[in-house]
Amino acid sequence: MNKIELIEIKSQAKYWLVRAEGGRYYDQFKYEHFISVHHNEMRVADFYSKDLLLTEEKTIEYYKEQIARKHEEDKLSKQQITFAAKKLYNFIEGMSIGDYVVVPSKKSNKFIIGQITSDVQEIESAPNLLINYGYDRNADLKRRSVRWINEVPRKKVNAKFLYSTLTLHHSIIEITEYDKYINSLISPFYFKNGKLNLKLNVNTEKPVTSTMWSALYNLIDDKRNLEIDEVITVTSNVESPGDINLTSVVKFVLENQQSLKSGLVSIAILFGEVDVFGVKLNGLFPYIHNKKIRDLEKRKLTVEVEKIEKDSQLDDLKRQIEIEKSRKELQDIRELNITIDTPNVSYENEPQRQMDLDLTLDEE
């Protein structure tokens, strides 16, 4: 059973695209849980200023001055200095703990998404590069630790995001403006800026009919919370297969997160085990069918008590019609083959670094 965790994405979090030199150091970033930046000749202390630099523009100008001074004999072009200054500024001062990073692999065939967990760490020297780690490793001294959350193939990444970001040439770029394309890769079920969001995958290879859509929309409308007059908005990008994004404006108190009430929670538990801020909710798709039948059975018993016997046959007929309609809707929804992705970073093919290390020590 899929385990789906509802997470809160902080509104102040920024998003960054970090290139691993054309994907060369993608595996190192992934397996060793960090990102880094080149320019070992520049130390973090080189960018400390006694003057108060109030704007990003003035700070970057200061970075450019320090880089130009360090490379005075190298005759770097203004463009090279500017690129280096922006990259170092973003890494040292732009990024913060809690920000999210996206790293593309070679040819951008896959992407790894994670959350920064440390300030800038400047090590004195890179670990022994002679050990066979099974992948290329850089010697960068300025690093930030990252907790990797999800690794996705290119086909799972929104085409607009790919086109808008991969054509940019900087190696460290803020991409916060594209957060809506990244959030569902961090988690298919998340809360941000007062909105609850759920991403569903439609996996059918068959044409999606109007009957299928109608059944799905009926389910969504049936599950919305009438107590709070909940409105669930739906956006879709379905070309068999594709995805559907559901959004609901909800309110809840962080100190009492169990008070969260939304039909999206009910929809999510149909496809897996959901963890809502530590509260685990179990559910399976057949639950819809069983619940509707139980409700109908209960309604029938009430009717039989309240109505005279001459109406019972008519009530039975209505009940059977309602059950058959429910079954048909469920069958139409099953035809869509809806699932929810579970974020996952696979380390199954991790090179045998420890074994290599042990062999090296034995030889000594």
Protein backbone atom coordinates (compact mmCIF):
# COMPACT_ATOMS: atom_id res chain seq x y z
CA MET A 1 0.00 0.00 0.00
CA ASN A 2 1.30 3.46 -0.92
CA LYS A 3 2.25 5.61 2.05
CA ILE A 4 1.36 9.23 1.41
CA GLU A 5 2.49 11.95 3.80
CA LEU A 6 0.77 15.30 3.98
CA ILE A 7 3.52 17.88 4.39
CA GLU A 8 3.55 21.62 4.88
CA ILE A 9 5.71 23.60 2.47
CA LYS A 10 6.69 26.88 4.07
CA SER A 11 5.70 29.95 2.08
CA GLN A 12 9.11 31.57 2.61
CA ALA A 13 11.03 28.63 1.14
CA LYS A 14 12.94 29.36 -2.06
CA TYR A 15 13.68 26.97 -4.89
CA TRP A 16 16.97 26.47 -6.70
CA LEU A 17 18.18 24.69 -9.81
CA VAL A 18 21.68 23.38 -9.13
CA ARG A 19 23.56 21.91 -12.07
CA ALA A 20 26.03 19.15 -11.34
CA GLU A 21 28.35 20.16 -14.20
CA GLY A 22 26.16 18.66 -16.88
CA GLY A 23 25.16 15.86 -14.54
CA ARG A 24 28.74 14.69 -14.03
CA TYR A 25 28.48 14.96 -10.23
CA TYR A 26 24.80 13.99 -9.99
CA ASP A 27 25.57 10.66 -8.29
CA GLN A 28 28.01 12.26 -5.87
CA PHE A 29 25.40 14.81 -4.80
CA LYS A 30 22.82 12.05 -4.46
CA TYR A 31 24.83 9.43 -2.59
CA GLU A 32 26.78 11.84 -0.37
CA HIS A 33 23.79 14.09 0.38
CA PHE A 34 25.16 17.53 -0.46
CA ILE A 35 25.46 20.19 -3.17
CA SER A 36 28.56 22.28 -3.81
CA VAL A 37 29.99 25.17 -5.75
CA HIS A 38 33.32 25.55 -7.57
CA HIS A 39 35.93 28.31 -7.08
CA ASN A 40 38.03 26.85 -4.28
CA GLU A 41 40.40 29.79 -4.70
CA MET A 42 37.73 31.99 -3.09
CA ARG A 43 37.04 31.39 0.58
CA VAL A 44 33.78 32.36 2.25
CA ALA A 45 35.74 34.80 4.43
CA ASP A 46 36.81 36.67 1.27
CA PHE A 47 33.26 37.96 0.93
CA TYR A 48 32.87 39.38 4.42
CA SER A 49 32.46 43.13 4.23
CA LYS A 50 32.93 45.75 6.92
CA ASP A 51 30.47 47.95 5.09
CA LEU A 52 26.73 47.39 5.37
CA LEU A 53 25.53 46.15 1.98
CA LEU A 54 21.79 46.70 1.99
CA THR A 55 20.78 45.30 -1.39
CA GLU A 56 21.47 42.16 -3.38
CA GLU A 57 22.82 44.27 -6.23
CA LYS A 58 25.41 45.98 -4.01
CA THR A 59 26.41 42.65 -2.46
CA ILE A 60 26.95 41.03 -5.86
CA GLU A 61 29.03 44.04 -6.91
CA TYR A 62 31.17 43.46 -3.84
CA TYR A 63 31.54 39.80 -4.79
CA LYS A 64 32.63 40.84 -8.28
CA GLU A 65 35.28 43.14 -6.82
CA GLN A 66 36.72 40.38 -4.64
CA ILE A 67 36.79 37.87 -7.51
CA ALA A 68 38.42 40.38 -9.86
CA ARG A 69 41.07 41.15 -7.22
CA LYS A 70 41.84 37.46 -6.69
CA HIS A 71 42.11 36.87 -10.45
CA GLU A 72 43.84 40.11 -11.32
CA GLU A 73 46.58 38.30 -13.26
CA ASP A 74 44.19 35.90 -14.99
CA LYS A 75 42.45 38.66 -16.91
CA LEU A 76 38.96 37.22 -16.57
CA SER A 77 36.28 38.82 -18.71
CA LYS A 78 33.51 40.88 -17.10
CA GLN A 79 31.05 38.14 -18.03
CA GLN A 80 33.12 35.45 -16.33
CA ILE A 81 33.42 37.56 -13.19
CA THR A 82 29.68 38.30 -13.18
CA PHE A 83 28.76 34.61 -13.62
CA ALA A 84 31.07 33.57 -10.79
CA ALA A 85 29.82 36.34 -8.48
CA LYS A 86 26.15 35.48 -8.97
CA LYS A 87 26.81 31.78 -8.51
CA LEU A 88 28.79 32.26 -5.30
CA TYR A 89 26.33 34.80 -3.95
CA ASN A 90 23.39 32.45 -4.54
CA PHE A 91 25.17 29.58 -2.83
CA ILE A 92 26.57 31.51 0.14
CA GLU A 93 23.88 34.11 0.84
CA GLY A 94 20.89 33.39 -1.38
CA MET A 95 20.21 29.88 -0.16
CA SER A 96 18.87 29.08 3.30
CA ILE A 97 18.09 26.03 5.39
CA GLY A 98 14.65 24.79 4.32
CA ASP A 99 14.99 25.84 0.68
CA TYR A 100 14.44 23.23 -2.03
CA VAL A 101 16.91 22.23 -4.73
CA VAL A 102 16.44 20.48 -8.06
CA VAL A 103 19.45 18.77 -9.64
CA PRO A 104 19.29 17.42 -13.22
CA SER A 105 21.25 14.33 -14.28
CA LYS A 106 23.17 13.91 -17.54
CA LYS A 107 21.00 15.00 -20.47
CA SER A 108 18.35 15.84 -17.85
CA ASN A 109 16.95 12.32 -18.07
CA LYS A 110 16.05 12.43 -14.39
CA PHE A 111 15.94 14.92 -11.54
CA ILE A 112 16.55 14.68 -7.82
CA ILE A 113 14.70 17.03 -5.47
CA GLY A 114 15.77 17.76 -1.91
CA GLN A 115 15.71 20.22 0.97
CA ILE A 116 18.76 22.11 2.25
CA THR A 117 19.56 21.14 5.84
CA SER A 118 22.72 23.14 6.63
CA ASP A 119 24.40 26.50 6.27
CA VAL A 120 27.47 26.75 4.06
CA GLN A 121 30.14 24.31 5.20
CA GLU A 122 33.68 25.06 4.07
CA ILE A 123 35.93 22.01 4.43
CA GLU A 124 39.72 22.26 4.39
CA SER A 125 40.22 19.59 1.75
CA ALA A 126 38.12 17.16 -0.27
CA PRO A 127 38.00 13.53 0.92
CA ASN A 128 40.38 11.04 -0.69
CA LEU A 129 39.58 10.97 -4.40
CA LEU A 130 41.75 7.90 -5.03
CA ILE A 131 39.15 5.53 -3.60
CA ASN A 132 36.94 3.95 -6.26
CA TYR A 133 33.51 5.39 -5.52
CA GLY A 134 32.05 4.24 -8.84
CA TYR A 135 31.18 7.76 -9.94
CA ASP A 136 32.89 11.09 -10.63
CA ARG A 137 33.57 13.24 -7.59
CA ASN A 138 34.51 16.90 -7.40
CA ALA A 139 36.90 18.56 -4.98
CA ASP A 140 34.67 21.50 -4.09
CA LEU A 141 35.25 22.89 -0.60
CA LYS A 142 32.06 24.92 -0.19
CA ARG A 143 29.08 22.64 0.45
CA ARG A 144 25.56 22.47 1.84
CA SER A 145 23.96 19.30 3.21
CA VAL A 146 20.74 18.17 1.53
CA ARG A 147 18.03 15.71 2.50
CA TRP A 148 16.92 14.17 -0.78
CA ILE A 149 13.17 13.66 -1.02
CA ASN A 150 12.34 12.40 -4.49
CA GLU A 151 13.94 11.29 -7.74
CA VAL A 152 11.80 11.49 -10.85
CA PRO A 153 12.24 10.69 -14.54
CA ARG A 154 12.03 13.50 -17.07
CA LYS A 155 8.52 12.47 -18.15
CA LYS A 156 7.22 13.31 -14.66
CA VAL A 157 8.48 16.90 -14.84
CA ASN A 158 6.22 19.58 -16.29
CA ALA A 159 7.21 20.53 -19.85
CA LYS A 160 6.84 24.27 -19.14
CA PHE A 161 9.27 23.97 -16.24
CA LEU A 162 11.78 22.09 -18.41
CA TYR A 163 11.60 24.63 -21.20
CA SER A 164 11.79 27.63 -18.86
CA THR A 165 14.75 26.46 -16.74
CA LEU A 166 16.98 24.11 -18.71
CA THR A 167 17.65 26.76 -21.35
CA LEU A 168 19.25 28.98 -18.69
CA HIS A 169 23.02 28.79 -18.59
CA HIS A 170 23.79 29.64 -14.97
CA SER A 171 24.82 26.69 -12.81
CA ILE A 172 22.94 27.87 -9.69
CA ILE A 173 19.68 29.65 -10.39
CA GLU A 174 16.74 30.65 -8.23
CA ILE A 175 13.57 29.13 -9.70
CA THR A 176 11.05 30.06 -7.00
CA GLU A 177 8.69 31.45 -9.65
CA TYR A 178 8.23 27.87 -10.91
CA ASP A 179 7.36 26.44 -7.49
CA LYS A 180 3.95 25.17 -8.63
CA TYR A 181 5.71 22.71 -10.95
CA ILE A 182 8.01 21.47 -8.18
CA ASN A 183 5.72 21.22 -5.14
CA SER A 184 3.91 18.08 -6.31
CA LEU A 185 7.30 16.43 -6.91
CA ILE A 186 8.23 17.14 -3.29
CA SER A 187 4.95 15.55 -2.19
CA PRO A 188 1.73 14.75 -4.08
CA PHE A 189 -0.18 15.85 -0.97
CA TYR A 190 0.91 19.19 0.52
CA PHE A 191 -0.31 22.31 2.30
CA LYS A 192 1.02 25.72 1.30
CA ASN A 193 -0.25 29.29 1.56
CA GLY A 194 -3.57 28.20 3.04
CA LYS A 195 -4.26 25.71 0.24
CA LEU A 196 -4.35 21.94 0.38
CA ASN A 197 -3.15 20.26 -2.82
CA LEU A 198 -3.44 16.69 -4.06
CA LYS A 199 -2.00 15.33 -7.29
CA LEU A 200 -3.58 12.25 -8.88
CA ASN A 201 -2.05 10.27 -11.73
CA VAL A 202 -4.32 9.02 -14.49
CA ASN A 203 -2.53 5.97 -15.87
CA THR A 204 -4.99 4.57 -18.37
CA GLU A 205 -3.74 4.21 -21.93
CA LYS A 206 -7.31 4.27 -23.21
CA PRO A 207 -9.13 7.42 -24.34
CA VAL A 208 -10.71 9.20 -21.38
CA THR A 209 -14.46 9.41 -21.98
CA SER A 210 -16.94 11.97 -20.71
CA THR A 211 -18.53 9.22 -18.61
CA MET A 212 -15.21 8.60 -16.83
CA TRP A 213 -14.79 12.32 -16.19
CA SER A 214 -18.34 12.62 -14.91
CA ALA A 215 -17.83 9.73 -12.47
CA LEU A 216 -14.59 11.27 -11.17
CA TYR A 217 -16.10 14.72 -10.73
CA ASN A 218 -19.09 13.22 -8.96
CA LEU A 219 -16.69 11.50 -6.55
CA ILE A 220 -14.80 14.75 -5.91
CA ASP A 221 -18.04 16.65 -5.32
CA ASP A 222 -19.33 13.88 -3.06
CA LYS A 223 -16.21 13.99 -0.89
CA ARG A 224 -15.98 17.76 -0.36
CA ASN A 225 -16.66 18.90 3.19
CA LEU A 226 -20.07 20.55 3.28
CA GLU A 227 -19.56 21.68 6.90
CA ILE A 228 -17.01 24.24 5.75
CA ASP A 229 -18.68 24.81 2.36
CA GLU A 230 -15.50 23.48 0.75
CA VAL A 231 -14.79 24.25 -2.89
CA ILE A 232 -12.34 21.91 -4.65
CA THR A 233 -10.82 23.27 -7.85
CA VAL A 234 -9.52 20.87 -10.49
CA THR A 235 -6.83 21.42 -13.11
CA SER A 236 -5.77 18.63 -15.41
CA ASN A 237 -3.06 17.73 -17.86
CA VAL A 238 -4.40 14.43 -19.09
CA GLU A 239 -3.39 12.98 -22.40
CA SER A 240 -3.70 9.34 -21.28
CA PRO A 241 -1.68 9.09 -19.12
CA GLY A 242 -1.49 12.45 -17.36
CA ASP A 243 -2.23 14.11 -14.05
CA ILE A 244 -5.00 15.89 -12.19
CA ASN A 245 -4.36 18.50 -9.50
CA LEU A 246 -6.97 19.17 -6.82
CA THR A 247 -6.82 22.29 -4.64
CA SER A 248 -8.89 23.31 -1.65
CA VAL A 249 -8.68 26.43 0.51
CA VAL A 250 -8.67 25.14 4.07
CA LYS A 251 -8.01 26.55 7.51
CA PHE A 252 -6.55 24.74 10.47
CA VAL A 253 -4.58 25.58 13.58
CA LEU A 254 -1.00 24.29 13.53
CA GLU A 255 -1.18 23.53 17.25
CA ASN A 256 -4.19 21.34 16.59
CA GLN A 257 -3.47 19.89 13.17
CA GLN A 258 -5.97 17.11 13.68
CA SER A 259 -8.70 19.69 13.12
CA LEU A 260 -7.87 19.74 9.39
CA LYS A 261 -11.10 19.02 7.52
CA SER A 262 -11.07 18.60 3.78
CA GLY A 263 -12.53 16.27 1.20
CA LEU A 264 -9.04 15.93 -0.26
CA VAL A 265 -8.06 13.86 2.79
CA SER A 266 -10.95 11.50 2.07
CA ILE A 267 -9.92 11.26 -1.59
CA ALA A 268 -6.27 10.64 -0.74
CA ILE A 269 -6.98 7.72 1.60
CA LEU A 270 -8.77 5.93 -1.22
CA PHE A 271 -5.40 5.31 -2.83
CA GLY A 272 -3.14 4.54 0.10
CA GLU A 273 -2.17 4.98 3.72
CA VAL A 274 -2.10 8.69 4.51
CA ASP A 275 -0.06 10.34 7.24
CA VAL A 276 -1.65 13.69 8.11
CA PHE A 277 0.94 15.40 10.29
CA GLY A 278 1.61 12.23 12.22
CA VAL A 279 -1.97 10.95 12.26
CA LYS A 280 -2.17 7.79 10.11
CA LEU A 281 -5.35 7.16 8.14
CA ASN A 282 -5.90 3.87 6.31
CA GLY A 283 -8.10 3.55 3.29
CA LEU A 284 -8.64 1.56 0.13
CA PHE A 285 -10.51 2.32 -3.05
CA PRO A 286 -13.30 -0.25 -2.40
CA TYR A 287 -14.16 1.82 0.68
CA ILE A 288 -16.23 4.10 -1.54
CA HIS A 289 -18.38 1.26 -2.71
CA ASN A 290 -18.80 -0.29 0.72
CA LYS A 291 -19.56 3.03 2.39
CA LYS A 292 -22.22 3.93 -0.15
CA ILE A 293 -23.88 0.55 0.25
CA ARG A 294 -23.77 0.85 4.06
CA ASP A 295 -25.31 4.31 3.85
CA LEU A 296 -28.01 3.01 1.55
CA GLU A 297 -28.70 0.05 3.83
CA LYS A 298 -29.03 2.38 6.81
CA ARG A 299 -31.31 4.66 4.85
CA LYS A 300 -33.47 1.71 3.82
CA LEU A 301 -33.91 0.56 7.44
CA THR A 302 -34.96 4.06 8.44
CA VAL A 303 -37.41 4.22 5.58
CA GLU A 304 -38.91 0.86 6.50
CA VAL A 305 -39.54 2.06 10.03
CA GLU A 306 -41.00 5.38 9.04
CA LYS A 307 -43.04 4.42 6.00
CA ILE A 308 -45.92 2.12 5.62
CA GLU A 309 -45.37 -1.28 4.05
CA LYS A 310 -47.09 -0.46 0.77
CA ASP A 311 -44.17 1.90 -0.09
CA SER A 312 -41.42 -0.63 0.70
CA GLN A 313 -41.32 -2.15 -2.77
CA LEU A 314 -40.87 1.28 -4.31
CA ASP A 315 -38.16 2.10 -1.79
CA ASP A 316 -36.37 -1.17 -2.60
CA LEU A 317 -36.41 -0.31 -6.27
CA LYS A 318 -34.98 3.16 -5.65
CA ARG A 319 -32.32 1.63 -3.44
CA GLN A 320 -31.30 -0.87 -6.11
CA ILE A 321 -31.13 1.86 -8.76
CA GLU A 322 -28.92 3.99 -6.49
CA ILE A 323 -26.58 1.04 -5.78
CA GLU A 324 -26.27 0.20 -9.46
CA LYS A 325 -25.48 3.82 -10.25
CA SER A 326 -22.80 3.81 -7.56
CA ARG A 327 -21.28 0.61 -8.95
CA LYS A 328 -21.23 2.04 -12.47
CA GLU A 329 -19.49 5.22 -11.29
CA LEU A 330 -16.88 3.20 -9.44
CA GLN A 331 -16.22 1.08 -12.49
CA ASP A 332 -15.75 4.22 -14.63
CA ILE A 333 -13.29 5.64 -12.08
CA ARG A 334 -11.37 2.35 -11.99
CA GLU A 335 -11.02 2.60 -15.77
CA LEU A 336 -8.94 5.77 -15.22
CA ASN A 337 -6.44 3.69 -13.19
CA ILE A 338 -5.73 6.53 -10.76
CA THR A 339 -2.70 6.37 -8.47
CA ILE A 340 -0.74 8.75 -6.25
CA ASP A 341 3.05 8.81 -6.51
CA THR A 342 5.04 8.18 -3.36
CA PRO A 343 8.20 10.33 -3.26
CA ASN A 344 11.22 8.08 -3.20
CA VAL A 345 14.98 8.22 -3.72
CA SER A 346 16.32 4.86 -4.77
CA TYR A 347 19.82 3.88 -3.68
CA GLU A 348 19.56 0.31 -5.01
CA ASN A 349 22.36 0.83 -7.50
CA GLU A 350 24.65 2.67 -5.10
CA PRO A 351 28.28 1.72 -5.85
CA GLN A 352 30.05 -0.42 -3.26
CA ARG A 353 32.01 2.43 -1.72
CA GLN A 354 32.45 0.75 1.66
CA MET A 355 33.79 -2.43 0.05
CA ASP A 356 36.27 -0.41 -1.97
CA LEU A 357 37.33 1.43 1.15
CA ASP A 358 37.84 -1.84 3.05
CA LEU A 359 39.98 -3.24 0.24
CA THR A 360 42.10 -0.11 0.24
CA LEU A 361 42.70 -0.38 3.97
CA ASP A 362 43.58 -4.06 3.69
CA GLU A 363 46.22 -3.33 1.07
CA GLU A 364 47.88 -0.84 3.41
